[in-house]
C-alpha atoms as a PDB file:
ATOM      1  CA  MET A   1      19.376  12.285  -3.197  1.00  0.00           C
ATOM      2  CA  THR A   2      16.932  14.834  -4.574  1.00  0.00           C
ATOM      3  CA  PRO A   3      13.236  14.453  -3.661  1.00  0.00           C
ATOM      4  CA  SER A   4      12.492  12.999  -7.135  1.00  0.00           C
ATOM      5  CA  SER A   5      15.174  10.385  -6.561  1.00  0.00           C
ATOM      6  CA  MET A   6      13.607   9.590  -3.198  1.00  0.00           C
ATOM      7  CA  VAL A   7      10.297   8.906  -4.932  1.00  0.00           C
ATOM      8  CA  LEU A   8      12.062   6.419  -7.191  1.00  0.00           C
ATOM      9  CA  LEU A   9      13.761   4.826  -4.187  1.00  0.00           C
ATOM     10  CA  LEU A  10      10.511   4.274  -2.282  1.00  0.00           C
ATOM     11  CA  ALA A  11       8.596   3.132  -5.359  1.00  0.00           C
ATOM     12  CA  ASP A  12      11.289   0.645  -6.367  1.00  0.00           C
ATOM     13  CA  GLY A  13      10.131  -2.944  -5.933  1.00  0.00           C
ATOM     14  CA  ARG A  14      13.619  -3.789  -4.663  1.00  0.00           C
ATOM     15  CA  PHE A  15      13.243  -1.518  -1.640  1.00  0.00           C
ATOM     16  CA  PRO A  16      13.720  -3.856   1.356  1.00  0.00           C
ATOM     17  CA  ALA A  17      10.201  -3.700   2.778  1.00  0.00           C
ATOM     18  CA  GLY A  18       8.890  -7.130   1.804  1.00  0.00           C
ATOM     19  CA  ALA A  19       6.392  -6.070  -0.874  1.00  0.00           C
ATOM     20  CA  HIS A  20       7.823  -8.540  -3.398  1.00  0.00           C
ATOM     21  CA  ALA A  21       6.450 -11.450  -1.340  1.00  0.00           C
ATOM     22  CA  HIS A  22       2.831 -10.325  -1.734  1.00  0.00           C
ATOM     23  CA  SER A  23       0.446 -10.415  -4.688  1.00  0.00           C
ATOM     24  CA  ALA A  24      -2.207  -8.151  -3.071  1.00  0.00           C
ATOM     25  CA  GLY A  25      -4.890 -10.749  -3.671  1.00  0.00           C
ATOM     26  CA  LEU A  26      -3.984 -11.537  -7.258  1.00  0.00           C
ATOM     27  CA  GLU A  27      -2.974 -15.146  -6.542  1.00  0.00           C
ATOM     28  CA  ALA A  28      -6.436 -15.929  -5.177  1.00  0.00           C
ATOM     29  CA  ALA A  29      -8.105 -14.036  -8.034  1.00  0.00           C
ATOM     30  CA  VAL A  30      -6.120 -16.071 -10.552  1.00  0.00           C
ATOM     31  CA  ALA A  31      -7.088 -19.317  -8.816  1.00  0.00           C
ATOM     32  CA  ALA A  32     -10.744 -18.249  -8.957  1.00  0.00           C
ATOM     33  CA  GLY A  33     -10.471 -17.622 -12.698  1.00  0.00           C
ATOM     34  CA  LEU A  34     -11.120 -13.897 -12.354  1.00  0.00           C
ATOM     35  CA  VAL A  35      -7.774 -12.790 -13.806  1.00  0.00           C
ATOM     36  CA  THR A  36      -6.561 -14.660 -16.864  1.00  0.00           C
ATOM     37  CA  ASP A  37      -4.983 -12.169 -19.267  1.00  0.00           C
ATOM     38  CA  PRO A  38      -3.814  -8.534 -19.553  1.00  0.00           C
ATOM     39  CA  ALA A  39      -7.382  -7.256 -19.978  1.00  0.00           C
ATOM     40  CA  THR A  40      -8.697  -8.870 -16.797  1.00  0.00           C
ATOM     41  CA  LEU A  41      -5.492  -7.880 -15.008  1.00  0.00           C
ATOM     42  CA  ALA A  42      -6.191  -4.253 -15.939  1.00  0.00           C
ATOM     43  CA  GLY A  43      -9.656  -4.520 -14.418  1.00  0.00           C
ATOM     44  CA  PHE A  44      -8.240  -6.028 -11.237  1.00  0.00           C
ATOM     45  CA  LEU A  45      -5.673  -3.243 -10.920  1.00  0.00           C
ATOM     46  CA  ARG A  46      -8.275  -0.511 -11.465  1.00  0.00           C
ATOM     47  CA  GLY A  47     -10.293  -2.072  -8.672  1.00  0.00           C
ATOM     48  CA  ARG A  48      -7.218  -2.090  -6.442  1.00  0.00           C
ATOM     49  CA  LEU A  49      -6.640   1.603  -7.088  1.00  0.00           C
ATOM     50  CA  ALA A  50     -10.243   2.530  -6.370  1.00  0.00           C
ATOM     51  CA  THR A  51     -10.338   0.646  -3.068  1.00  0.00           C
ATOM     52  CA  GLY A  52      -7.155  -0.362  -1.257  1.00  0.00           C
ATOM     53  CA  GLY A  53      -5.013   2.039  -3.261  1.00  0.00           C
ATOM     54  CA  LEU A  54      -7.104   5.059  -2.325  1.00  0.00           C
ATOM     55  CA  VAL A  55      -7.291   4.072   1.336  1.00  0.00           C
ATOM     56  CA  ALA A  56      -3.538   3.458   1.538  1.00  0.00           C
ATOM     57  CA  ALA A  57      -2.732   6.749  -0.192  1.00  0.00           C
ATOM     58  CA  ALA A  58      -5.071   8.800   2.006  1.00  0.00           C
ATOM     59  CA  PHE A  59      -3.763   7.311   5.226  1.00  0.00           C
ATOM     60  CA  ALA A  60      -0.138   7.645   4.091  1.00  0.00           C
ATOM     61  CA  VAL A  61      -0.678  11.353   3.426  1.00  0.00           C
ATOM     62  CA  ALA A  62      -2.465  11.801   6.751  1.00  0.00           C
ATOM     63  CA  ALA A  63       0.461  10.165   8.566  1.00  0.00           C
ATOM     64  CA  HIS A  64       2.898  12.311   6.564  1.00  0.00           C
ATOM     65  CA  ARG A  65       1.103  15.449   7.723  1.00  0.00           C
ATOM     66  CA  ALA A  66       0.894  14.190  11.304  1.00  0.00           C
ATOM     67  CA  ALA A  67       4.683  13.768  11.347  1.00  0.00           C
ATOM     68  CA  GLY A  68       5.141  17.525  11.584  1.00  0.00           C
ATOM     69  CA  THR A  69       2.668  18.150  14.415  1.00  0.00           C
ATOM     70  CA  ALA A  70       3.097  18.305  18.173  1.00  0.00           C
ATOM     71  CA  ASP A  71       0.407  15.684  18.819  1.00  0.00           C
ATOM     72  CA  ARG A  72       1.657  13.248  16.176  1.00  0.00           C
ATOM     73  CA  ARG A  73       1.722  10.253  18.528  1.00  0.00           C
ATOM     74  CA  ALA A  74      -1.986  10.608  19.341  1.00  0.00           C
ATOM     75  CA  THR A  75      -2.887  11.336  15.716  1.00  0.00           C
ATOM     76  CA  LEU A  76      -0.982   8.304  14.476  1.00  0.00           C
ATOM     77  CA  ALA A  77      -2.739   6.140  17.057  1.00  0.00           C
ATOM     78  CA  ARG A  78      -6.128   7.367  15.790  1.00  0.00           C
ATOM     79  CA  LEU A  79      -5.094   6.746  12.193  1.00  0.00           C
ATOM     80  CA  ASP A  80      -3.942   3.240  13.083  1.00  0.00           C
ATOM     81  CA  ALA A  81      -7.293   2.431  14.683  1.00  0.00           C
ATOM     82  CA  GLU A  82      -9.251   3.866  11.748  1.00  0.00           C
ATOM     83  CA  LEU A  83      -7.179   1.966   9.189  1.00  0.00           C
ATOM     84  CA  ASP A  84      -7.661  -1.217  11.191  1.00  0.00           C
ATOM     85  CA  ALA A  85     -11.427  -0.667  11.035  1.00  0.00           C
ATOM     86  CA  ARG A  86     -11.235  -0.281   7.248  1.00  0.00           C
ATOM     87  CA  THR A  87      -9.362  -3.559   6.836  1.00  0.00           C
ATOM     88  CA  ALA A  88     -12.125  -6.086   7.383  1.00  0.00           C
ATOM     89  CA  ALA A  89     -10.236  -9.323   6.748  1.00  0.00           C
ATOM     90  CA  PRO A  90      -7.936 -10.439   9.595  1.00  0.00           C
ATOM     91  CA  ALA A  91      -5.540 -11.823   6.988  1.00  0.00           C
ATOM     92  CA  LEU A  92      -5.202  -8.417   5.338  1.00  0.00           C
ATOM     93  CA  ARG A  93      -4.719  -6.664   8.685  1.00  0.00           C
ATOM     94  CA  ALA A  94      -1.886  -9.083   9.431  1.00  0.00           C
ATOM     95  CA  VAL A  95      -0.324  -8.464   6.019  1.00  0.00           C
ATOM     96  CA  SER A  96      -0.493  -4.688   6.415  1.00  0.00           C
ATOM     97  CA  ARG A  97       1.160  -4.836   9.821  1.00  0.00           C
ATOM     98  CA  ARG A  98       3.782  -7.320   8.651  1.00  0.00           C
ATOM     99  CA  GLN A  99       4.739  -5.016   5.807  1.00  0.00           C
ATOM    100  CA  GLY A 100       4.604  -2.085   8.207  1.00  0.00           C
ATOM    101  CA  ARG A 101       7.171  -3.739  10.465  1.00  0.00           C
ATOM    102  CA  ALA A 102       9.467  -4.367   7.506  1.00  0.00           C
ATOM    103  CA  LEU A 103       9.145  -0.804   6.224  1.00  0.00           C
ATOM    104  CA  LEU A 104       9.676   0.593   9.723  1.00  0.00           C
ATOM    105  CA  ARG A 105      12.924  -1.342  10.012  1.00  0.00           C
ATOM    106  CA  ALA A 106      14.084  -0.019   6.638  1.00  0.00           C
ATOM    107  CA  GLY A 107      13.099   3.531   7.591  1.00  0.00           C
ATOM    108  CA  ARG A 108      15.034   3.419  10.845  1.00  0.00           C
ATOM    109  CA  GLU A 109      18.132   2.119   9.089  1.00  0.00           C
ATOM    110  CA  ILE A 110      18.059   4.633   6.235  1.00  0.00           C
ATOM    111  CA  TRP A 111      16.747   7.693   8.129  1.00  0.00           C
ATOM    112  CA  PRO A 112      17.752   7.134  11.784  1.00  0.00           C
ATOM    113  CA  GLY A 113      16.527  10.595  12.805  1.00  0.00           C
ATOM    114  CA  GLY A 114      13.134  10.165  11.182  1.00  0.00           C
ATOM    115  CA  GLY A 115      11.019  10.316  14.340  1.00  0.00           C
ATOM    116  CA  PHE A 116       9.760   6.750  14.023  1.00  0.00           C
ATOM    117  CA  ASP A 117       9.536   6.307  17.792  1.00  0.00           C
ATOM    118  CA  ASP A 118       6.196   8.113  17.738  1.00  0.00           C
ATOM    119  CA  MET A 119       4.665   5.336  15.664  1.00  0.00           C
ATOM    120  CA  PRO A 120       2.324   3.193  17.814  1.00  0.00           C
ATOM    121  CA  THR A 121       3.597  -0.307  17.098  1.00  0.00           C
ATOM    122  CA  GLY A 122       1.740  -2.565  19.553  1.00  0.00           C
ATOM    123  CA  PRO A 123       2.344  -6.320  19.557  1.00  0.00           C
ATOM    124  CA  SER A 124       1.679  -6.692  15.813  1.00  0.00           C
ATOM    125  CA  GLY A 125       3.380  -3.572  14.482  1.00  0.00           C
ATOM    126  CA  PRO A 126       1.975  -0.537  12.623  1.00  0.00           C
ATOM    127  CA  HIS A 127      -0.001  -0.517   9.396  1.00  0.00           C
ATOM    128  CA  GLN A 128       2.170  -0.117   6.292  1.00  0.00           C
ATOM    129  CA  PRO A 129       0.573   3.087   4.892  1.00  0.00           C
ATOM    130  CA  LEU A 130       1.210   4.944   8.149  1.00  0.00           C
ATOM    131  CA  VAL A 131       4.855   3.951   8.167  1.00  0.00           C
ATOM    132  CA  LEU A 132       5.092   4.989   4.522  1.00  0.00           C
ATOM    133  CA  GLY A 133       3.842   8.435   5.489  1.00  0.00           C
ATOM    134  CA  LEU A 134       6.541   8.812   8.152  1.00  0.00           C
ATOM    135  CA  VAL A 135       9.243   7.429   5.864  1.00  0.00           C
ATOM    136  CA  ALA A 136       8.214   9.878   3.132  1.00  0.00           C
ATOM    137  CA  ALA A 137       8.339  12.751   5.631  1.00  0.00           C
ATOM    138  CA  ALA A 138      11.821  11.677   6.732  1.00  0.00           C
ATOM    139  CA  ALA A 139      12.868  11.513   3.077  1.00  0.00           C
ATOM    140  CA  GLY A 140      11.637  15.059   2.446  1.00  0.00           C
ATOM    141  CA  LEU A 141       8.789  14.181   0.101  1.00  0.00           C
ATOM    142  CA  ASP A 142       5.643  16.269  -0.271  1.00  0.00           C
ATOM    143  CA  PRO A 143       2.052  14.958   0.138  1.00  0.00           C
ATOM    144  CA  VAL A 144       1.534  14.445  -3.599  1.00  0.00           C
ATOM    145  CA  ALA A 145       4.677  12.334  -3.808  1.00  0.00           C
ATOM    146  CA  VAL A 146       3.754  10.093  -0.885  1.00  0.00           C
ATOM    147  CA  ALA A 147       0.223   9.621  -2.254  1.00  0.00           C
ATOM    148  CA  THR A 148       1.632   8.725  -5.647  1.00  0.00           C
ATOM    149  CA  VAL A 149       4.039   6.186  -4.159  1.00  0.00           C
ATOM    150  CA  ALA A 150       1.200   4.576  -2.196  1.00  0.00           C
ATOM    151  CA  ALA A 151      -1.155   4.456  -5.177  1.00  0.00           C
ATOM    152  CA  TYR A 152       1.553   3.153  -7.494  1.00  0.00           C
ATOM    153  CA  GLY A 153       2.582   0.514  -4.970  1.00  0.00           C
ATOM    154  CA  SER A 154      -0.961  -0.814  -4.775  1.00  0.00           C
ATOM    155  CA  VAL A 155      -0.786  -1.937  -8.423  1.00  0.00           C
ATOM    156  CA  THR A 156       2.859  -2.731  -9.129  1.00  0.00           C
ATOM    157  CA  GLY A 157       2.965  -5.648  -6.686  1.00  0.00           C
ATOM    158  CA  PRO A 158       0.061  -7.550  -8.252  1.00  0.00           C
ATOM    159  CA  ALA A 159       1.235  -6.595 -11.746  1.00  0.00           C
ATOM    160  CA  SER A 160       4.616  -8.162 -11.070  1.00  0.00           C
ATOM    161  CA  ALA A 161       2.925 -11.194  -9.534  1.00  0.00           C
ATOM    162  CA  ALA A 162       0.856 -11.638 -12.709  1.00  0.00           C
ATOM    163  CA  VAL A 163       3.992 -12.334 -14.708  1.00  0.00           C
ATOM    164  CA  ARG A 164       4.897 -15.200 -12.386  1.00  0.00           C
ATOM    165  CA  LEU A 165       1.392 -16.548 -11.805  1.00  0.00           C
ATOM    166  CA  LEU A 166       0.107 -16.421 -15.377  1.00  0.00           C
ATOM    167  CA  GLY A 167       3.288 -16.338 -17.424  1.00  0.00           C
ATOM    168  CA  LEU A 168       2.187 -13.077 -19.012  1.00  0.00           C
ATOM    169  CA  ASP A 169       4.490 -11.137 -21.291  1.00  0.00           C
ATOM    170  CA  PRO A 170       6.158  -8.554 -18.993  1.00  0.00           C
ATOM    171  CA  TYR A 171       6.066  -5.989 -21.798  1.00  0.00           C
ATOM    172  CA  ARG A 172       2.286  -6.279 -22.013  1.00  0.00           C
ATOM    173  CA  VAL A 173       1.978  -6.127 -18.228  1.00  0.00           C
ATOM    174  CA  HIS A 174       3.962  -2.909 -18.136  1.00  0.00           C
ATOM    175  CA  ALA A 175       1.787  -1.547 -20.921  1.00  0.00           C
ATOM    176  CA  VAL A 176      -1.162  -2.151 -18.588  1.00  0.00           C
ATOM    177  CA  LEU A 177       0.644  -0.205 -15.847  1.00  0.00           C
ATOM    178  CA  ALA A 178       1.432   2.637 -18.227  1.00  0.00           C
ATOM    179  CA  ALA A 179      -2.228   2.876 -19.171  1.00  0.00           C
ATOM    180  CA  LEU A 180      -3.086   3.231 -15.474  1.00  0.00           C
ATOM    181  CA  ALA A 181      -0.864   6.289 -14.986  1.00  0.00           C
ATOM    182  CA  VAL A 182      -3.793   8.716 -15.177  1.00  0.00           C
ATOM    183  CA  ASP A 183      -5.755   6.602 -12.676  1.00  0.00           C
ATOM    184  CA  CYS A 184      -2.777   6.559 -10.300  1.00  0.00           C
ATOM    185  CA  ASP A 185      -2.461  10.330 -10.479  1.00  0.00           C
ATOM    186  CA  ALA A 186      -6.190  10.794  -9.933  1.00  0.00           C
ATOM    187  CA  THR A 187      -6.133   8.458  -6.939  1.00  0.00           C
ATOM    188  CA  ALA A 188      -3.187  10.345  -5.456  1.00  0.00           C
ATOM    189  CA  ALA A 189      -4.931  13.695  -5.986  1.00  0.00           C
ATOM    190  CA  ARG A 190      -8.094  12.453  -4.285  1.00  0.00           C
ATOM    191  CA  ALA A 191      -6.053  11.113  -1.368  1.00  0.00           C
ATOM    192  CA  VAL A 192      -4.315  14.462  -0.873  1.00  0.00           C
ATOM    193  CA  ALA A 193      -7.634  16.300  -1.053  1.00  0.00           C
ATOM    194  CA  THR A 194      -9.142  14.208   1.759  1.00  0.00           C
ATOM    195  CA  ALA A 195      -6.114  13.749   4.027  1.00  0.00           C
ATOM    196  CA  ASP A 196      -6.832  16.877   6.081  1.00  0.00           C
ATOM    197  CA  ASP A 197     -10.162  15.443   7.192  1.00  0.00           C
ATOM    198  CA  PRO A 198     -10.506  13.876  10.663  1.00  0.00           C
ATOM    199  CA  PRO A 199      -9.294  10.234  10.616  1.00  0.00           C
ATOM    200  CA  GLU A 200     -12.825   8.867  10.843  1.00  0.00           C
ATOM    201  CA  TRP A 201     -13.764  10.770   7.652  1.00  0.00           C
ATOM    202  CA  LEU A 202     -10.968   9.404   5.490  1.00  0.00           C
ATOM    203  CA  PRO A 203     -11.938   7.241   2.475  1.00  0.00           C
ATOM    204  CA  ALA A 204     -13.297   3.788   3.237  1.00  0.00           C
ATOM    205  CA  PRO A 205     -14.109   2.011  -0.067  1.00  0.00           C
ATOM    206  CA  ALA A 206     -14.270  -1.755   0.370  1.00  0.00           C
ATOM    207  CA  ALA A 207     -13.687  -4.850  -1.767  1.00  0.00           C
ATOM    208  CA  PRO A 208     -15.575  -7.693  -0.033  1.00  0.00           C
ATOM    209  CA  LEU A 209     -14.525 -10.336  -2.555  1.00  0.00           C
ATOM    210  CA  THR A 210     -10.877  -9.451  -1.930  1.00  0.00           C
ATOM    211  CA  ASP A 211     -11.466  -9.882   1.802  1.00  0.00           C
ATOM    212  CA  ILE A 212     -13.001 -13.317   1.223  1.00  0.00           C
ATOM    213  CA  HIS A 213     -10.191 -14.365  -1.095  1.00  0.00           C
ATOM    214  CA  ALA A 214      -7.598 -13.220   1.450  1.00  0.00           C
ATOM    215  CA  GLU A 215      -9.071 -15.454   4.128  1.00  0.00           C
ATOM    216  CA  VAL A 216      -9.310 -18.435   1.778  1.00  0.00           C
ATOM    217  CA  HIS A 217      -5.732 -17.855   0.609  1.00  0.00           C
ATOM    218  CA  THR A 218      -4.410 -18.325   4.143  1.00  0.00           C
ATOM    219  CA  THR A 219      -5.796 -21.897   4.180  1.00  0.00           C
ATOM    220  CA  TRP A 220      -3.826 -23.036   1.154  1.00  0.00           C
ATOM    221  CA  GLU A 221      -1.064 -25.527   1.891  1.00  0.00           C
ATOM    222  CA  VAL A 222       0.879 -24.473  -1.207  1.00  0.00           C
ATOM    223  CA  ARG A 223       1.023 -20.888  -2.421  1.00  0.00           C
ATOM    224  CA  LEU A 224       3.528 -18.752  -4.259  1.00  0.00           C
ATOM    225  CA  PHE A 225       2.861 -15.506  -2.397  1.00  0.00           C
ATOM    226  CA  ALA A 226       2.255 -14.639   1.243  1.00  0.00           C
ATOM    227  CA  SER A 227      -0.977 -12.838   0.301  1.00  0.00           C
END
């Protein structure tokens, strides 16, 4: 595959990394009455890009760059600790590591020589954005591509979930995504611009209400999505 095809592969919702099982907080936002239609969905997705999307993209690019260095194991460990500190809700930390384990398994199967043994897994597994950075490096993608995949992934999951949760017209939902293209590109560009900074200086925007919703969501007896 060419690098552009690799971008499509990693951004595809059918890629076997478990993203389809998560709504990225949308299910709880819908239950709280905060997202009800395409307009409020657009606002939710812009918020995702500005917070979790930016953090994920910056850390994915930092991990991508660390993949080509001699001290990558130590750098990845620092990135893992810093990303953990930026993920305030225990439920969201668990989700990130669960998706990281799934993506790591896919990466090892598809790119067996990808250098994934340097990823600090620990008992819970690595954070998903860091694995994405290594997978993108193994696939031959550049920093802009990996940042774009991370930013795009932060909104496509909840957008897809909106169709199931609210019964929205999928054409209108994809129109919302199309309108966010400039925001995705801007988020990716900002992530690339900051990824050379020391791990502790990487972006750290927060969404406290999302953290609260994530914890409440774990208490539900019946739910459609894992997060």
